[in-house]
């Protein structure tokens, strides 16, 4: 950040505050934005040979955008990651242009590199059940095994993001029949809680050695602090190796599995969209993986003109 002019640092800081407060961006997203925009602004400083003020940023050309993208790719960054960085740059420039009164066409018209979108890979139903059974035996400490089982059961049984599951507090327990979840973009949704998830959390609470006060995290690490997502990722990694499952059997894959298995069982796609907290139905469709015949059957039954 030392290569960036004070004016640019200030503008970037104000945009970050805007994304955090108004767009409801998560901390992980904010960190990524800071890194992506910091690298971009530092490149422009080096490319032009001097710190760039806001006026200079308004004059960035198409060729300079191509030079930045070429250097980024040369540094080993894949097309998907570069597309994400470009999206952050465009978002920042759109905001900056509105406030500084310049035309950001050169930046906004830059095309992202094409890449093959990765399709989600949910677990088969028997593999998901095996994962639930195997996670508990990864620890020799009973309360830790019960904790890991509770988290994984919530991920699969309720379709939560791992950040949402680990964001639960003592006030959320015992789990009610319906959880009120604040997801991405501060969007609120109601999620039914299956009996197995409620039972798993209660078992964990009975064994947990820490005081699970209302304002404190529900799921704790071995030293009593908030449980890290990496711990659950590690537990599932060991379990999948034991079960012979692919590397795609991650905590997030359980959310895909939740959606896919509901749809396979005859669930309504729009209802699943609401449960997942997706703004777009196309995002929900990408989360589900069912055979074409089954998808058309669901479509025929639910389409208003069928």
Protein backbone atom coordinates (compact mmCIF):
# COMPACT_ATOMS: atom_id res chain seq x y z
CA UNK A 1 0.00 0.00 0.00
CA UNK A 2 3.04 2.30 0.35
CA UNK A 3 3.11 2.73 -3.45
CA UNK A 4 -0.39 4.19 -3.46
CA UNK A 5 -0.96 7.91 -3.10
CA UNK A 6 -2.74 9.21 0.02
CA UNK A 7 -5.73 10.33 -2.07
CA UNK A 8 -6.14 6.85 -3.55
CA UNK A 9 -5.73 5.18 -0.17
CA UNK A 10 -8.44 7.45 1.22
CA UNK A 11 -10.79 6.73 -1.69
CA UNK A 12 -10.21 2.99 -1.36
CA UNK A 13 -10.85 3.17 2.40
CA UNK A 14 -14.14 5.03 1.84
CA UNK A 15 -15.25 2.50 -0.79
CA UNK A 16 -14.42 -0.38 1.55
CA UNK A 17 -16.50 1.27 4.28
CA UNK A 18 -19.33 1.61 1.76
CA UNK A 19 -19.14 -2.07 0.84
CA UNK A 20 -19.09 -3.10 4.47
CA UNK A 21 -21.94 -0.86 5.62
CA UNK A 22 -24.29 -0.65 2.63
CA UNK A 23 -23.56 -3.76 0.58
CA UNK A 24 -23.23 -6.02 3.62
CA UNK A 25 -20.00 -7.60 2.35
CA UNK A 26 -18.48 -10.25 4.62
CA UNK A 27 -15.05 -9.81 6.21
CA UNK A 28 -13.56 -12.36 3.82
CA UNK A 29 -14.92 -10.37 0.87
CA UNK A 30 -13.60 -7.10 2.34
CA UNK A 31 -10.13 -8.63 2.78
CA UNK A 32 -10.18 -9.85 -0.84
CA UNK A 33 -11.28 -6.40 -2.06
CA UNK A 34 -8.48 -4.69 -0.17
CA UNK A 35 -5.89 -7.05 -1.62
CA UNK A 36 -7.23 -6.89 -5.19
CA UNK A 37 -7.57 -3.09 -5.30
CA UNK A 38 -4.28 -2.55 -3.51
CA UNK A 39 -2.47 -4.67 -6.12
CA UNK A 40 -4.21 -2.87 -8.98
CA UNK A 41 -3.41 0.63 -7.72
CA UNK A 42 0.18 -0.39 -6.94
CA UNK A 43 0.56 -1.72 -10.49
CA UNK A 44 -0.66 1.57 -11.98
CA UNK A 45 1.85 3.45 -9.85
CA UNK A 46 4.72 1.24 -11.01
CA UNK A 47 3.51 1.16 -14.61
CA UNK A 48 3.39 4.96 -14.84
CA UNK A 49 6.48 5.51 -12.72
CA UNK A 50 4.94 7.71 -10.03
CA UNK A 51 2.14 7.68 -7.44
CA UNK A 52 -1.23 8.17 -9.08
CA UNK A 53 -3.72 10.64 -7.69
CA UNK A 54 -7.45 10.47 -8.34
CA UNK A 55 -7.10 12.63 -11.44
CA UNK A 56 -4.61 10.22 -12.99
CA UNK A 57 -6.85 7.26 -12.22
CA UNK A 58 -9.59 8.89 -14.23
CA UNK A 59 -7.34 8.71 -17.30
CA UNK A 60 -6.55 5.00 -17.24
CA UNK A 61 -6.63 3.60 -20.76
CA UNK A 62 -7.73 0.28 -22.25
CA UNK A 63 -4.11 -0.62 -23.03
CA UNK A 64 -3.15 -0.05 -19.40
CA UNK A 65 -5.97 -2.32 -18.26
CA UNK A 66 -4.67 -4.98 -20.64
CA UNK A 67 -1.16 -4.52 -19.28
CA UNK A 68 -2.42 -5.04 -15.71
CA UNK A 69 -4.32 -8.16 -16.69
CA UNK A 70 -1.33 -9.55 -18.59
CA UNK A 71 1.01 -9.05 -15.64
CA UNK A 72 -1.53 -10.56 -13.25
CA UNK A 73 -1.87 -13.66 -15.44
CA UNK A 74 1.92 -13.87 -15.77
CA UNK A 75 2.12 -14.03 -11.99
CA UNK A 76 0.31 -17.36 -12.03
CA UNK A 77 -3.22 -16.07 -11.37
CA UNK A 78 -5.92 -18.16 -13.06
CA UNK A 79 -8.71 -16.83 -15.24
CA UNK A 80 -11.33 -17.25 -12.50
CA UNK A 81 -9.28 -15.29 -9.95
CA UNK A 82 -8.47 -12.57 -12.48
CA UNK A 83 -12.17 -12.22 -13.29
CA UNK A 84 -12.85 -11.72 -9.57
CA UNK A 85 -10.13 -9.06 -9.32
CA UNK A 86 -11.48 -7.26 -12.38
CA UNK A 87 -14.96 -7.30 -10.89
CA UNK A 88 -13.62 -5.59 -7.74
CA UNK A 89 -11.79 -2.98 -9.83
CA UNK A 90 -14.93 -2.22 -11.86
CA UNK A 91 -17.06 -1.91 -8.75
CA UNK A 92 -14.58 0.52 -7.20
CA UNK A 93 -14.32 2.55 -10.41
CA UNK A 94 -18.07 2.76 -10.86
CA UNK A 95 -18.35 4.19 -7.33
CA UNK A 96 -15.36 6.52 -7.80
CA UNK A 97 -16.58 7.85 -11.17
CA UNK A 98 -19.93 8.83 -9.67
CA UNK A 99 -18.21 10.86 -6.97
CA UNK A 100 -15.39 12.38 -9.00
CA UNK A 101 -17.42 13.00 -12.16
CA UNK A 102 -15.29 11.21 -14.75
CA UNK A 103 -16.09 8.65 -17.45
CA UNK A 104 -14.92 5.13 -16.45
CA UNK A 105 -15.58 3.49 -19.83
CA UNK A 106 -12.01 2.19 -20.34
CA UNK A 107 -12.20 0.25 -17.07
CA UNK A 108 -15.82 -0.85 -17.22
CA UNK A 109 -15.57 -2.05 -20.83
CA UNK A 110 -12.62 -4.34 -20.07
CA UNK A 111 -13.67 -7.91 -20.69
CA UNK A 112 -13.07 -10.58 -18.12
CA UNK A 113 -11.18 -13.68 -19.25
CA UNK A 114 -13.36 -16.66 -20.10
CA UNK A 115 -13.26 -19.63 -17.78
CA UNK A 116 -15.16 -22.83 -17.30
CA UNK A 117 -17.51 -22.53 -14.35
CA UNK A 118 -17.05 -25.32 -11.86
CA UNK A 119 -20.22 -27.26 -11.26
CA UNK A 120 -21.01 -28.11 -7.64
CA UNK A 121 -20.36 -31.69 -6.62
CA UNK A 122 -22.78 -32.73 -3.90
CA UNK A 123 -22.31 -35.94 -2.00
CA UNK A 124 -24.53 -38.92 -2.70
CA UNK A 125 -27.10 -39.47 0.05
CA UNK A 126 -25.34 -42.56 1.42
CA UNK A 127 -22.00 -40.69 1.38
CA UNK A 128 -23.54 -37.76 3.27
CA UNK A 129 -24.88 -40.12 5.93
CA UNK A 130 -21.51 -41.86 6.16
CA UNK A 131 -19.82 -38.50 6.59
CA UNK A 132 -22.07 -37.66 9.55
CA UNK A 133 -21.25 -40.98 11.19
CA UNK A 134 -17.50 -40.75 10.54
CA UNK A 135 -16.91 -37.16 11.64
CA UNK A 136 -17.66 -37.97 15.28
CA UNK A 137 -14.91 -40.58 15.58
CA UNK A 138 -12.17 -38.24 14.31
CA UNK A 139 -11.55 -36.99 17.85
CA UNK A 140 -10.80 -38.98 21.00
CA UNK A 141 -12.36 -36.20 23.09
CA UNK A 142 -16.11 -36.90 23.35
CA UNK A 143 -17.28 -33.27 23.45
CA UNK A 144 -15.14 -32.35 20.42
CA UNK A 145 -16.58 -35.26 18.44
CA UNK A 146 -20.09 -34.22 19.46
CA UNK A 147 -19.33 -30.62 18.43
CA UNK A 148 -18.07 -31.63 14.99
CA UNK A 149 -21.07 -33.87 14.44
CA UNK A 150 -23.43 -31.05 15.43
CA UNK A 151 -21.83 -28.59 13.00
CA UNK A 152 -21.79 -31.04 10.09
CA UNK A 153 -25.39 -32.07 10.79
CA UNK A 154 -26.48 -28.43 10.66
CA UNK A 155 -24.62 -27.86 7.39
CA UNK A 156 -26.26 -30.82 5.71
CA UNK A 157 -29.62 -30.79 7.48
CA UNK A 158 -30.27 -27.04 7.25
CA UNK A 159 -28.22 -26.00 4.21
CA UNK A 160 -26.31 -23.32 6.10
CA UNK A 161 -23.03 -21.77 5.02
CA UNK A 162 -20.24 -22.69 7.42
CA UNK A 163 -19.95 -19.03 8.47
CA UNK A 164 -23.66 -19.04 9.32
CA UNK A 165 -23.40 -22.22 11.38
CA UNK A 166 -20.36 -20.99 13.29
CA UNK A 167 -22.04 -17.61 13.75
CA UNK A 168 -24.70 -19.14 16.02
CA UNK A 169 -24.54 -18.07 19.66
CA UNK A 170 -25.67 -19.50 22.95
CA UNK A 171 -28.89 -17.53 22.51
CA UNK A 172 -29.78 -19.78 19.55
CA UNK A 173 -29.76 -22.92 21.70
CA UNK A 174 -31.59 -25.09 22.24
CA UNK A 175 -32.22 -24.82 18.52
CA UNK A 176 -35.83 -23.83 17.75
CA UNK A 177 -37.90 -25.55 15.03
CA UNK A 178 -37.06 -22.57 12.80
CA UNK A 179 -33.83 -20.55 12.78
CA UNK A 180 -33.65 -16.91 11.75
CA UNK A 181 -30.44 -16.58 9.74
CA UNK A 182 -28.73 -13.38 8.58
CA UNK A 183 -26.83 -14.38 5.44
CA UNK A 184 -24.85 -12.66 2.71
CA UNK A 185 -25.77 -9.04 2.10
CA UNK A 186 -27.47 -8.99 5.52
CA UNK A 187 -30.41 -10.85 3.98
CA UNK A 188 -32.63 -12.53 6.52
CA UNK A 189 -34.26 -15.91 6.00
CA UNK A 190 -36.08 -18.55 8.03
CA UNK A 191 -34.63 -22.07 7.97
CA UNK A 192 -36.44 -25.13 9.37
CA UNK A 193 -34.27 -27.18 11.73
CA UNK A 194 -34.57 -30.95 11.41
CA UNK A 195 -34.85 -33.00 14.65
CA UNK A 196 -31.48 -34.65 14.02
CA UNK A 197 -29.75 -31.25 14.03
CA UNK A 198 -31.52 -30.18 17.20
CA UNK A 199 -30.58 -33.44 18.91
CA UNK A 200 -26.94 -33.20 17.78
CA UNK A 201 -26.60 -29.68 19.14
CA UNK A 202 -28.18 -30.67 22.45
CA UNK A 203 -25.78 -33.60 22.79
CA UNK A 204 -22.87 -31.26 22.18
CA UNK A 205 -24.18 -28.72 24.72
CA UNK A 206 -24.43 -31.40 27.39
CA UNK A 207 -20.79 -32.38 26.88
CA UNK A 208 -19.22 -28.98 26.17
CA UNK A 209 -16.97 -27.91 29.11
CA UNK A 210 -17.42 -24.19 28.47
CA UNK A 211 -20.13 -21.78 29.55
CA UNK A 212 -22.28 -21.24 26.46
CA UNK A 213 -23.67 -17.85 27.42
CA UNK A 214 -26.23 -16.14 25.23
CA UNK A 215 -23.84 -13.62 23.67
CA UNK A 216 -20.93 -16.02 23.16
CA UNK A 217 -20.30 -18.38 20.20
CA UNK A 218 -22.23 -21.63 20.40
CA UNK A 219 -19.44 -23.72 18.91
CA UNK A 220 -16.07 -23.51 20.65
CA UNK A 221 -12.51 -24.57 19.97
CA UNK A 222 -10.57 -26.66 22.49
CA UNK A 223 -9.41 -23.50 24.28
CA UNK A 224 -12.88 -22.04 24.51
CA UNK A 225 -12.62 -19.50 21.71
CA UNK A 226 -14.91 -19.38 18.67
CA UNK A 227 -14.53 -22.46 16.50
CA UNK A 228 -12.56 -21.84 13.32
CA UNK A 229 -13.92 -22.99 9.94
CA UNK A 230 -10.54 -24.62 9.32
CA UNK A 231 -11.17 -27.06 12.14
CA UNK A 232 -14.35 -28.35 10.47
CA UNK A 233 -12.61 -28.40 7.10
CA UNK A 234 -9.83 -30.50 8.64
CA UNK A 235 -12.25 -32.89 10.32
CA UNK A 236 -14.11 -33.47 7.06
CA UNK A 237 -10.81 -33.92 5.19
CA UNK A 238 -9.82 -36.74 7.55
CA UNK A 239 -13.27 -38.30 7.34
CA UNK A 240 -13.38 -38.23 3.55
CA UNK A 241 -9.96 -39.90 3.37
CA UNK A 242 -11.27 -42.63 5.64
CA UNK A 243 -14.36 -43.05 3.47
CA UNK A 244 -12.51 -42.80 0.16
CA UNK A 245 -14.47 -39.71 -0.92
CA UNK A 246 -13.03 -37.10 -3.33
CA UNK A 247 -11.45 -33.81 -2.27
CA UNK A 248 -14.70 -32.06 -3.27
CA UNK A 249 -16.39 -33.49 -0.14
CA UNK A 250 -16.03 -30.24 1.79
CA UNK A 251 -18.27 -28.39 4.28
CA UNK A 252 -19.67 -26.31 1.41
CA UNK A 253 -20.47 -29.49 -0.54
CA UNK A 254 -22.91 -30.37 2.25
CA UNK A 255 -24.89 -27.23 1.38
CA UNK A 256 -24.97 -28.35 -2.25
CA UNK A 257 -26.05 -31.80 -1.05
CA UNK A 258 -28.87 -30.31 1.03
CA UNK A 259 -30.27 -28.53 -2.03
CA UNK A 260 -29.77 -31.42 -4.43
CA UNK A 261 -31.32 -34.04 -2.16
CA UNK A 262 -34.33 -31.82 -1.47
CA UNK A 263 -34.90 -31.31 -5.18
CA UNK A 264 -34.46 -35.01 -5.89
CA UNK A 265 -37.08 -35.75 -3.25
CA UNK A 266 -39.56 -33.48 -5.04
CA UNK A 267 -38.83 -30.15 -3.39
CA UNK A 268 -39.88 -26.93 -5.09
CA UNK A 269 -36.95 -25.06 -6.62
CA UNK A 270 -38.16 -21.65 -5.46
CA UNK A 271 -38.73 -22.90 -1.92
CA UNK A 272 -35.17 -24.27 -1.91
CA UNK A 273 -33.99 -20.88 -3.19
CA UNK A 274 -35.52 -19.23 -0.13
CA UNK A 275 -34.01 -21.80 2.23
CA UNK A 276 -30.55 -21.19 0.80
CA UNK A 277 -30.94 -17.42 0.78
CA UNK A 278 -30.13 -16.99 -2.90
CA UNK A 279 -31.10 -13.75 -4.64
CA UNK A 280 -31.26 -15.49 -8.02
CA UNK A 281 -32.99 -18.71 -9.00
CA UNK A 282 -30.14 -19.43 -11.43
CA UNK A 283 -27.77 -19.60 -8.48
CA UNK A 284 -29.99 -22.19 -6.84
CA UNK A 285 -30.10 -24.17 -10.07
CA UNK A 286 -26.31 -24.21 -10.14
CA UNK A 287 -26.32 -25.55 -6.56
CA UNK A 288 -28.40 -28.56 -7.50
CA UNK A 289 -27.16 -31.59 -9.38
CA UNK A 290 -29.90 -33.92 -10.59
CA UNK A 291 -30.32 -35.84 -13.80
CA UNK A 292 -32.03 -34.04 -16.68
CA UNK A 293 -35.11 -36.26 -16.62
CA UNK A 294 -35.71 -35.52 -12.92
CA UNK A 295 -35.19 -31.78 -13.45
CA UNK A 296 -37.71 -31.72 -16.31
CA UNK A 297 -40.19 -33.64 -14.16
CA UNK A 298 -39.90 -31.01 -11.42
CA UNK A 299 -40.18 -28.25 -14.04
CA UNK A 300 -43.31 -29.76 -15.62
CA UNK A 301 -45.01 -30.04 -12.25
CA UNK A 302 -44.16 -26.53 -11.07
CA UNK A 303 -44.36 -24.45 -14.27
CA UNK A 304 -47.56 -22.34 -14.32
CA UNK A 305 -48.22 -23.16 -17.98
CA UNK A 306 -47.55 -26.90 -17.68
